[in-house]
Amino acid sequence: MVNVCGLVTAKQEPVPLKSIEVELEVRDHVATVVSTLLYENKEDKPIEAVFVFPLPGDAAVCHFSATIGQTQIVAEVKEKQEAREEYDDALSSGQQAFLLEESEQSPDIFTLSVGSLPPGESASIRLEYVTELAVQADDGLRFCLPAVLNPRYRPRGSEGGEGAGVQVTSVPASLVPYSLSFSARVSSPRPVTKVESSCSLEPLQYLDTERTQASVKLAAGHRFDRDVELLIHYKDAHRPTAVAEAGQASAKPGTLMADPAVMLSLYPEFPESVMSSVASRGEFVLLMDRSGSMGSPMTNSKRHQTRISSARDTLLLLLKSLPMGCHFNIYSFGSAYEHVFPQSVEYSEKTLEEALRRVEAMDADLGGTEILQPLKHILSQPCIPSQPRQLFVFTDGQVANTKEVMSLVRKNSGSHRCFSFGIGEGASSALINGLAKEGGGHAQFITGTDRMQPKVMQSLRFALQPTVVDISITWDLPEGVSVTVLSPPITALFQGQRSLIYAQLSGESSEAAEGCVTVKYSLAAHPSQNQLRFSLKPAEDSGSTVHRLAARTRIRSLETEGQQGGGVKEKVVELSVQSGVSSSFTAFVAVNKGSGEPVRGPLVRRDVPTPDLRNAICGKRRQFRPMGLIPDMQPMMYSPRRVPHSRARPGTSGLFFSETSLLCSLVARNKTLCGLKQKIITRRKPKGVQRHGASPDFFDLACDEEEHATPQQFCRDPLLQLVSLQKASGCWLPDPALAASLGKTSEETEKTKPPSANRELWATILALIWLHGVKVDAKEEWELLAMKAVSWLRAQNAPCMAECVEAGNTLLGCSVQKDVLGL
């Protein structure tokens, strides 16, 4: 049975977490986040409160403390099993204890346990982490405070074992029983031009006349229906920088924390002649998530387009933009996976039509989110000579076996580049960023009212650009000073995208005060380089942010090595303890040893629910109605931790379970099923589809019929309608549908055609004029397919081109010049 929770847990138990206060400090492109969580036990017995929550996948958690009354207890980082035993021993002795641990399956999931909170007692938990901000397509810097944690799907047989761990408890976003307050302070050497958000903000306040410092707050009443996302824009943001930070005098000599550390931010700028050209070669493999959660709306609006519908529109645009001469294939996955072609095929009108036919039939109907098997199949296929493989992955990222997926992509990184897209609120940042990082590609997140198409097209432009090769880093340091690079080697550089390098400096020089680093690379036979200078004697009070980020980077690299072979756990634990930064092998633990009398009475566990957007999409009552269960489905398990039998619930064999986490809302397009009966939904697969690993039945979801819009209520965008009519070669054919897309009739377009122009040339010029004259604000979406159309027109070498442009402008009421069209 699946329970829906309100102000109490699934078993009608009170929730002890009362509020979360978040303070964000952004300095240039680095963020420090301090979260304060207030717990209060209003019951008549001592409790243990357990809260599973998300953090950014690349965050370095560096501080954890608890305040009870006037007493503050600062947690220590210890080896994970040692920390768990210390926590359990403290609870068994009636002492108050606190434990914070990172999931062993995914670095963006944490479990916070607040133990032996006596009746009537309050506890304030302070959690601090640092993270870098990602550069967006519009040059803004993105900060995301994950407020939504959707249950993550664990495939049967994956690492971690079946039923091994603590499960997440989730409730509808509107019923989250605790409040959130959020404030941000932004500072930079360059002026802050604007701060945007998908949430309601109070007006931006500038703190100085130069506008290099600003503050902003989240408007009251946040409903937990979305992640808290900020987009920060600076003037002249893309400047290479080098930041040096002094070591800590109290740290052990020779360690990372004792030596100076340096952070290099590189923004490569490529020649315009290279950037304006695109490759006509490549194998483009598109991998689409068709799990049930892709049937959820893109936003919390019940009438908004679903994720799978938006993804289908994006695939249309992407397929039309591929160059002639390339190869391609499309895979889709859920509990099983399918492919359009047995292997990648050459891009042609015939193969394009078949692919589009299959894309149009794609639905969110394949069950769970088993991404590992289709990736294994794709990466096991032999590469096509002279066709570099480019993998595009579209998913809402709700998987549990993140590290297994990363390991696979890393092992095959020499044969492909991976571009990843996280769709919707709650997508795993560890999965989306990890796919791109390990695959030498680029990651994008599509949330709120974001349009998927422009972000995907930016990544396609990256994929079509020549690959950067021969990347090398040279350090110029004075005698007596040496460097240890802590970051993994740079494998990919993209125009306008930042690359970070962390390094540890050892030794001293009495003469030189500066060091220099040179990054060299080659793009389309154009050698380039970036050179940066940095201080070898930074100020003693420069903080520890760079050291913590450097430690986090090194820890992640070591954890990666640990997956390939043993012997690195000790190094990770040593660095984690020295730096105070969390890892998958360590945990923060704090025990209130001076609490006086031990807490009396049996300890009762309370799971703190996390908002799950998929709980909120089903009508006024916000209730789920399960309609059949996937036989091989395993719900998400977090932070495996076996609990002493003395504290386990009866019948759990020392493992905690939560009924709510069995919930996996698999909403399918065109399904407005009602009623409370359980049904097995059987689906008829399209003709010719080979489904690998398919389950015979699927877990579906019924919603109130009046609460969901049908696909017919979403009229296709005129731009997408026009795009759908373009041929693989780049041209358009005269057609009533084309005329309708242009807002004209077939008679009007035929009557105004110059006599010397053939009909295909005339139709193609009309389409280009309409794009440039009517849809210029969406140019980043159609630019590549327009380039293909221009190439087709040039190949026609028609003498009537100027006459056609003039006639087309008159017909469409535009004034687009011939040179603007690229002719």
Foldseek 3Di string as FASTA:
>chain_A
DAAADFCAFSVRHHAFWAAKEWEWEAEQFKIKIKIKIKGWAQDQAWAKEKEKFFDFQLKWWFWKWKDWPNDIWTWFKFFAVVQVVVQQVCQVQQFWKWWWAAWLQGRGMIMIITGGQHHGTMMMMMIMIMDGFFQAPVRWTKDWAAQAAAWFFEFPPFPQHFQFFEGAFAHALQRANYYYWYKYKAAYPFAWPDKDWLAAKDDWAQDDPRNRIIMIIGDPDDRSQFITMMTTDTDPSQDKDKDKAAADPPFDPPDLRHFIKMKIKHFDADDPVQLVDFALFAEEEEEEELAQQQQDALGLAQAHDGNLRLVLLQVLLVLLLHHQPYWYWYKYAALWIWIQDPDIDGDAQVVSVSVNVVSVPRKSFFFHGDPQVVLVVNLPDDDDPPHQYEYEYEDLARHRNQVVNLLSLLVSLVRYAYEYENGEGNHRSRNQVSNRQSNVFYGYYAHNPRRPQLRVLVRVSQVRRFWKDDKDKDKADDPFKDKDKQADDRRGHGRRTIDMTMMGIDGDDPPDQKMKMKIWIAGPNRIDIDMYMDGSDDDNVPDCSSSSSSLSNNLVVLVSVCVVHHDSLVVSSVSCSSSSTGDNRIMIMTIPPPPPDRRDDAYHYGYNHRHHSVLSNFDDVSDWAKADAQPRIGIHHTRRDFRPPSNDDPPPNRHDYGSNRVDDEREIAPDQDDDRDHHWDADDDDPPIDIGSGTRTHIYTHGHNVSHDHPVVDDDDLVSQCSSQAGSQLWGAQDQSLQVSLVHGSVLQVVLADPQDDRRLLSRLLSLQCCVFPVVVCCSSCVSSLVSNVVVNVVVVRPCNQVSNVSSCVSSVGDDDPVNSVD
